[in-house]
Protein backbone atom coordinates (compact mmCIF):
# COMPACT_ATOMS: atom_id res chain seq x y z
CA MET A 1 -7.53 43.79 -113.96
CA PRO A 2 -11.13 44.71 -114.78
CA ARG A 3 -12.37 48.04 -113.52
CA LEU A 4 -15.07 46.57 -111.26
CA ALA A 5 -12.54 44.23 -109.68
CA LEU A 6 -10.27 47.18 -108.97
CA TYR A 7 -13.11 49.17 -107.40
CA THR A 8 -14.22 46.28 -105.19
CA SER A 9 -10.61 45.67 -104.12
CA ILE A 10 -10.36 49.31 -103.05
CA VAL A 11 -13.62 48.98 -101.11
CA CYS A 12 -12.23 45.85 -99.45
CA VAL A 13 -9.07 47.63 -98.32
CA LEU A 14 -11.03 50.60 -97.01
CA ALA A 15 -13.48 48.32 -95.18
CA VAL A 16 -10.61 46.49 -93.48
CA ALA A 17 -9.11 49.81 -92.41
CA ALA A 18 -12.48 50.93 -91.06
CA ALA A 19 -12.87 47.64 -89.19
CA VAL A 20 -9.47 48.08 -87.55
CA VAL A 21 -10.32 51.62 -86.51
CA SER A 22 -13.68 50.49 -85.13
CA PHE A 23 -12.15 47.67 -83.09
CA VAL A 24 -9.39 49.93 -81.76
CA GLN A 25 -12.00 52.45 -80.62
CA GLY A 26 -13.90 49.64 -78.88
CA SER A 27 -16.91 49.57 -81.20
CA ILE A 28 -17.55 45.89 -81.71
CA LEU A 29 -20.77 45.92 -83.74
CA PRO A 30 -19.63 48.44 -86.39
CA GLY A 31 -16.34 46.55 -86.60
CA VAL A 32 -18.15 43.32 -87.36
CA VAL A 33 -20.23 45.06 -90.04
CA TRP A 34 -17.04 46.39 -91.66
CA VAL A 35 -15.49 42.91 -91.60
CA LEU A 36 -18.57 41.48 -93.30
CA LEU A 37 -18.43 44.23 -95.93
CA ALA A 38 -14.75 43.48 -96.51
CA GLY A 39 -15.56 39.81 -97.06
CA LEU A 40 -18.34 40.62 -99.48
CA SER A 41 -16.25 43.02 -101.52
CA SER A 42 -13.35 40.55 -101.58
CA ASN A 43 -15.62 37.87 -103.01
CA MET A 44 -16.97 40.31 -105.58
CA ALA A 45 -13.45 41.25 -106.70
CA TRP A 46 -12.53 37.57 -107.04
CA PHE A 47 -15.68 36.95 -109.06
CA TYR A 48 -14.97 39.81 -111.47
CA VAL A 49 -11.37 38.69 -112.00
CA ARG A 50 -12.45 35.11 -112.71
CA ARG A 51 -15.22 36.28 -115.05
CA HIS A 52 -12.75 38.46 -116.96
CA LYS A 53 -10.35 35.52 -117.33
CA ALA A 54 -13.13 33.24 -118.56
CA GLU A 55 -14.29 35.83 -121.11
CA SER A 56 -10.72 36.31 -122.31
CA ARG A 57 -10.29 32.56 -122.79
CA ALA A 58 -13.59 32.32 -124.66
CA GLU A 59 -12.60 35.16 -127.00
CA ALA A 60 -9.20 33.58 -127.63
CA ALA A 61 -10.78 30.22 -128.42
CA ALA A 62 -13.37 31.76 -130.73
CA GLY A 63 -11.03 34.02 -132.60
């Protein structure tokens, strides 16, 4: 797994945990912000994984 994908996955997990804590404490708006951040970081991790796979395939085909 590429390093950036790993970092964004960690951010995603931490954002989900923060969202749960916010909702449990009754803070709706910060919870929604954390959920949105979790979605963004999840998409970034997926992008980096797919980009790494595409680059690996291109290198294998070229060499």
